[in-house]
Amino acid sequence: MQRIANLLVCKDDKVLLLKKPRRNWYVAPGGKMEIGESILVSAVREFTEETNTVPIQPHLKGIYTMVIEEEGKRVDEWMLFTFVARDIEGIPYEVTTEGILEWHSVESLHHLPMAEGDRTNLLFAAQEKGMQYGTFVYTPNFALIKETIQQSTEGE
């Protein structure tokens, strides 16, 4: 099963997002984990490679199962680990081989073009306390079929 780690920086009520050229959708910078790599090391490495910056004190905010179904059958599945940091060191690229980096208001996460599961997990990472867990089931064209979400906070 593929494992993906991404990282959202939230600073001064803004988030740093990557606009991917294929669909013109916004995502948090991130990518595939390497063999033997921890989820934190992967998230920081991918973020740094894609932004030219280093996140300060990132922490895990969500763990998700992502499923693609076609005609009622699972055709793909992967895990997503979402981290958040409140600041970065360095100056981000403007354009990378992965897309265009842009700062947007946290509020804009409600309407920017993106996968609906990403909207759910990025809004949580930017605005909520605790951890979120969930499963997102999509069609092959990334239309959301079903979303199942749980949350927890330390001490519960």
C-alpha atoms as a PDB file:
ATOM      1  CA  MET A   1       0.000   0.000   0.000  1.00  0.00           C
ATOM      2  CA  GLN A   2       1.337   3.424  -0.956  1.00  0.00           C
ATOM      3  CA  ARG A   3       1.997   5.883   1.866  1.00  0.00           C
ATOM      4  CA  ILE A   4       1.816   9.665   1.329  1.00  0.00           C
ATOM      5  CA  ALA A   5       2.833  12.417   3.770  1.00  0.00           C
ATOM      6  CA  ASN A   6       1.878  16.056   3.319  1.00  0.00           C
ATOM      7  CA  LEU A   7       2.397  19.176   5.395  1.00  0.00           C
ATOM      8  CA  LEU A   8       0.324  22.338   5.681  1.00  0.00           C
ATOM      9  CA  VAL A   9       1.935  25.527   6.955  1.00  0.00           C
ATOM     10  CA  CYS A  10      -0.505  27.913   8.635  1.00  0.00           C
ATOM     11  CA  LYS A  11       1.011  31.308   9.391  1.00  0.00           C
ATOM     12  CA  ASP A  12      -0.771  34.602  10.060  1.00  0.00           C
ATOM     13  CA  ASP A  13      -4.156  33.077   9.057  1.00  0.00           C
ATOM     14  CA  LYS A  14      -2.701  32.005   5.702  1.00  0.00           C
ATOM     15  CA  VAL A  15      -1.777  28.595   4.319  1.00  0.00           C
ATOM     16  CA  LEU A  16       0.919  27.697   1.807  1.00  0.00           C
ATOM     17  CA  LEU A  17      -0.613  25.584  -0.966  1.00  0.00           C
ATOM     18  CA  LEU A  18       0.687  23.973  -4.120  1.00  0.00           C
ATOM     19  CA  LYS A  19      -1.439  24.407  -7.255  1.00  0.00           C
ATOM     20  CA  LYS A  20      -0.977  21.240  -9.307  1.00  0.00           C
ATOM     21  CA  PRO A  21      -1.057  21.785 -13.090  1.00  0.00           C
ATOM     22  CA  ARG A  22      -2.913  18.579 -14.039  1.00  0.00           C
ATOM     23  CA  ARG A  23      -6.294  19.578 -12.564  1.00  0.00           C
ATOM     24  CA  ASN A  24      -5.453  23.059 -11.264  1.00  0.00           C
ATOM     25  CA  TRP A  25      -6.304  21.734  -7.813  1.00  0.00           C
ATOM     26  CA  TYR A  26      -4.674  22.930  -4.611  1.00  0.00           C
ATOM     27  CA  VAL A  27      -2.890  20.535  -2.257  1.00  0.00           C
ATOM     28  CA  ALA A  28      -0.601  20.704   0.742  1.00  0.00           C
ATOM     29  CA  PRO A  29       2.990  20.041  -0.352  1.00  0.00           C
ATOM     30  CA  GLY A  30       3.930  16.406   0.107  1.00  0.00           C
ATOM     31  CA  GLY A  31       4.485  13.115  -1.604  1.00  0.00           C
ATOM     32  CA  LYS A  32       5.403   9.458  -1.428  1.00  0.00           C
ATOM     33  CA  MET A  33       7.249   8.063   1.546  1.00  0.00           C
ATOM     34  CA  GLU A  34      10.517   6.275   0.901  1.00  0.00           C
ATOM     35  CA  ILE A  35      11.205   2.768   2.190  1.00  0.00           C
ATOM     36  CA  GLY A  36      12.133   2.816   5.871  1.00  0.00           C
ATOM     37  CA  GLU A  37      11.317   6.504   6.276  1.00  0.00           C
ATOM     38  CA  SER A  38       9.230   7.724   9.219  1.00  0.00           C
ATOM     39  CA  ILE A  39       6.096   9.691   8.425  1.00  0.00           C
ATOM     40  CA  LEU A  40       7.562  12.859  10.000  1.00  0.00           C
ATOM     41  CA  VAL A  41      10.859  12.612   8.118  1.00  0.00           C
ATOM     42  CA  SER A  42       8.923  11.998   4.904  1.00  0.00           C
ATOM     43  CA  ALA A  43       6.601  14.974   5.412  1.00  0.00           C
ATOM     44  CA  VAL A  44       9.502  17.337   6.149  1.00  0.00           C
ATOM     45  CA  ARG A  45      11.616  16.009   3.260  1.00  0.00           C
ATOM     46  CA  GLU A  46       8.797  16.271   0.721  1.00  0.00           C
ATOM     47  CA  PHE A  47       7.756  19.707   1.974  1.00  0.00           C
ATOM     48  CA  THR A  48      11.333  20.999   1.827  1.00  0.00           C
ATOM     49  CA  GLU A  49      11.912  19.565  -1.659  1.00  0.00           C
ATOM     50  CA  GLU A  50       8.723  21.161  -2.990  1.00  0.00           C
ATOM     51  CA  THR A  51       8.942  24.534  -1.235  1.00  0.00           C
ATOM     52  CA  ASN A  52      12.647  25.263  -0.605  1.00  0.00           C
ATOM     53  CA  THR A  53      11.751  25.934   3.067  1.00  0.00           C
ATOM     54  CA  VAL A  54      11.904  24.007   6.342  1.00  0.00           C
ATOM     55  CA  PRO A  55       8.781  23.706   8.518  1.00  0.00           C
ATOM     56  CA  ILE A  56       9.188  24.669  12.174  1.00  0.00           C
ATOM     57  CA  GLN A  57       7.906  22.149  14.733  1.00  0.00           C
ATOM     58  CA  PRO A  58       5.530  20.179  12.506  1.00  0.00           C
ATOM     59  CA  HIS A  59       3.121  17.807  14.158  1.00  0.00           C
ATOM     60  CA  LEU A  60       0.695  15.144  12.969  1.00  0.00           C
ATOM     61  CA  LYS A  61      -2.931  16.249  12.496  1.00  0.00           C
ATOM     62  CA  GLY A  62      -4.545  13.462  10.484  1.00  0.00           C
ATOM     63  CA  ILE A  63      -4.307   9.887   9.287  1.00  0.00           C
ATOM     64  CA  TYR A  64      -6.489   8.900   6.351  1.00  0.00           C
ATOM     65  CA  THR A  65      -7.279   5.940   4.142  1.00  0.00           C
ATOM     66  CA  MET A  66      -7.878   6.976   0.558  1.00  0.00           C
ATOM     67  CA  VAL A  67      -9.804   4.564  -1.670  1.00  0.00           C
ATOM     68  CA  ILE A  68     -10.627   4.575  -5.371  1.00  0.00           C
ATOM     69  CA  GLU A  69     -13.703   2.522  -6.317  1.00  0.00           C
ATOM     70  CA  GLU A  70     -14.995   1.706  -9.756  1.00  0.00           C
ATOM     71  CA  GLU A  71     -18.313  -0.093 -10.220  1.00  0.00           C
ATOM     72  CA  GLY A  72     -18.354  -0.945  -6.513  1.00  0.00           C
ATOM     73  CA  LYS A  73     -14.861  -2.501  -6.504  1.00  0.00           C
ATOM     74  CA  ARG A  74     -11.721  -1.132  -4.870  1.00  0.00           C
ATOM     75  CA  VAL A  75      -9.133  -0.445  -7.539  1.00  0.00           C
ATOM     76  CA  ASP A  76      -6.601   1.514  -5.457  1.00  0.00           C
ATOM     77  CA  GLU A  77      -5.931   2.404  -1.834  1.00  0.00           C
ATOM     78  CA  TRP A  78      -3.302   4.437  -0.012  1.00  0.00           C
ATOM     79  CA  MET A  79      -2.636   6.048   3.357  1.00  0.00           C
ATOM     80  CA  LEU A  80      -2.237   9.801   3.847  1.00  0.00           C
ATOM     81  CA  PHE A  81      -0.511  11.360   6.864  1.00  0.00           C
ATOM     82  CA  THR A  82      -1.190  15.110   7.215  1.00  0.00           C
ATOM     83  CA  PHE A  83       1.083  17.335   9.297  1.00  0.00           C
ATOM     84  CA  VAL A  84       0.799  21.017  10.223  1.00  0.00           C
ATOM     85  CA  ALA A  85       3.411  23.620  11.162  1.00  0.00           C
ATOM     86  CA  ARG A  86       2.872  27.221  12.214  1.00  0.00           C
ATOM     87  CA  ASP A  87       5.981  28.702  10.583  1.00  0.00           C
ATOM     88  CA  ILE A  88       8.786  28.042   8.111  1.00  0.00           C
ATOM     89  CA  GLU A  89      12.448  28.940   7.692  1.00  0.00           C
ATOM     90  CA  GLY A  90      13.416  30.253   4.278  1.00  0.00           C
ATOM     91  CA  ILE A  91      11.681  31.806   1.309  1.00  0.00           C
ATOM     92  CA  PRO A  92       9.377  29.502  -0.676  1.00  0.00           C
ATOM     93  CA  TYR A  93       9.773  28.927  -4.366  1.00  0.00           C
ATOM     94  CA  GLU A  94       7.114  30.566  -6.501  1.00  0.00           C
ATOM     95  CA  VAL A  95       7.124  27.891  -9.208  1.00  0.00           C
ATOM     96  CA  THR A  96       8.419  24.323  -8.950  1.00  0.00           C
ATOM     97  CA  THR A  97       8.348  21.226 -11.119  1.00  0.00           C
ATOM     98  CA  GLU A  98       5.314  20.180  -9.027  1.00  0.00           C
ATOM     99  CA  GLY A  99       3.308  23.360  -9.615  1.00  0.00           C
ATOM    100  CA  ILE A 100       2.850  26.899  -8.302  1.00  0.00           C
ATOM    101  CA  LEU A 101       3.199  27.753  -4.600  1.00  0.00           C
ATOM    102  CA  GLU A 102       0.752  30.339  -3.288  1.00  0.00           C
ATOM    103  CA  TRP A 103      -0.288  31.723   0.089  1.00  0.00           C
ATOM    104  CA  HIS A 104      -4.065  31.741   0.607  1.00  0.00           C
ATOM    105  CA  SER A 105      -6.292  32.670   3.528  1.00  0.00           C
ATOM    106  CA  VAL A 106      -7.445  29.785   5.703  1.00  0.00           C
ATOM    107  CA  GLU A 107     -10.994  30.803   4.766  1.00  0.00           C
ATOM    108  CA  SER A 108     -10.224  30.149   1.086  1.00  0.00           C
ATOM    109  CA  LEU A 109      -9.874  26.426   1.867  1.00  0.00           C
ATOM    110  CA  HIS A 110     -13.678  26.373   1.801  1.00  0.00           C
ATOM    111  CA  HIS A 111     -13.857  27.204  -1.919  1.00  0.00           C
ATOM    112  CA  LEU A 112     -10.510  26.642  -3.687  1.00  0.00           C
ATOM    113  CA  PRO A 113     -10.581  23.804  -6.227  1.00  0.00           C
ATOM    114  CA  MET A 114      -9.320  20.594  -4.577  1.00  0.00           C
ATOM    115  CA  ALA A 115     -10.338  17.047  -3.795  1.00  0.00           C
ATOM    116  CA  GLU A 116     -13.149  17.141  -1.226  1.00  0.00           C
ATOM    117  CA  GLY A 117     -11.224  14.880   1.155  1.00  0.00           C
ATOM    118  CA  ASP A 118      -8.313  17.324   1.026  1.00  0.00           C
ATOM    119  CA  ARG A 119     -10.726  20.136   1.880  1.00  0.00           C
ATOM    120  CA  THR A 120     -11.895  18.203   4.941  1.00  0.00           C
ATOM    121  CA  ASN A 121      -8.429  17.350   6.224  1.00  0.00           C
ATOM    122  CA  LEU A 122      -6.797  20.724   5.444  1.00  0.00           C
ATOM    123  CA  LEU A 123      -9.584  22.669   7.151  1.00  0.00           C
ATOM    124  CA  PHE A 124      -9.200  20.448  10.194  1.00  0.00           C
ATOM    125  CA  ALA A 125      -5.402  20.844  10.195  1.00  0.00           C
ATOM    126  CA  ALA A 126      -5.680  24.625   9.898  1.00  0.00           C
ATOM    127  CA  GLN A 127      -8.479  25.267  12.388  1.00  0.00           C
ATOM    128  CA  GLU A 128      -9.059  22.459  14.863  1.00  0.00           C
ATOM    129  CA  LYS A 129      -7.395  20.935  17.913  1.00  0.00           C
ATOM    130  CA  GLY A 130      -6.597  17.248  18.208  1.00  0.00           C
ATOM    131  CA  MET A 131      -6.308  14.553  15.573  1.00  0.00           C
ATOM    132  CA  GLN A 132      -8.556  13.526  12.737  1.00  0.00           C
ATOM    133  CA  TYR A 133      -8.869  10.056  11.214  1.00  0.00           C
ATOM    134  CA  GLY A 134     -10.901   9.091   8.243  1.00  0.00           C
ATOM    135  CA  THR A 135     -11.598   7.229   5.057  1.00  0.00           C
ATOM    136  CA  PHE A 136     -12.376   8.918   1.753  1.00  0.00           C
ATOM    137  CA  VAL A 137     -13.816   6.852  -1.090  1.00  0.00           C
ATOM    138  CA  TYR A 138     -13.568   8.344  -4.586  1.00  0.00           C
ATOM    139  CA  THR A 139     -14.405   7.467  -8.168  1.00  0.00           C
ATOM    140  CA  PRO A 140     -11.409   7.178 -10.540  1.00  0.00           C
ATOM    141  CA  ASN A 141     -12.035  10.866 -11.444  1.00  0.00           C
ATOM    142  CA  PHE A 142     -11.869  11.861  -7.751  1.00  0.00           C
ATOM    143  CA  ALA A 143     -15.554  12.532  -7.246  1.00  0.00           C
ATOM    144  CA  LEU A 144     -16.167  11.859  -3.557  1.00  0.00           C
ATOM    145  CA  ILE A 145     -18.442   8.864  -2.968  1.00  0.00           C
ATOM    146  CA  LYS A 146     -18.217   8.626   0.814  1.00  0.00           C
ATOM    147  CA  GLU A 147     -16.396  10.243   3.714  1.00  0.00           C
ATOM    148  CA  THR A 148     -16.093   8.754   7.214  1.00  0.00           C
ATOM    149  CA  ILE A 149     -14.417  10.951   9.841  1.00  0.00           C
ATOM    150  CA  GLN A 150     -13.448  10.504  13.487  1.00  0.00           C
ATOM    151  CA  GLN A 151     -11.667  12.976  15.775  1.00  0.00           C
ATOM    152  CA  SER A 152      -9.858  12.789  19.066  1.00  0.00           C
ATOM    153  CA  THR A 153      -8.083  15.150  21.418  1.00  0.00           C
ATOM    154  CA  GLU A 154      -5.461  14.280  23.977  1.00  0.00           C
ATOM    155  CA  GLY A 155      -7.035  13.046  27.198  1.00  0.00           C
ATOM    156  CA  GLU A 156     -10.234  11.722  25.594  1.00  0.00           C
END
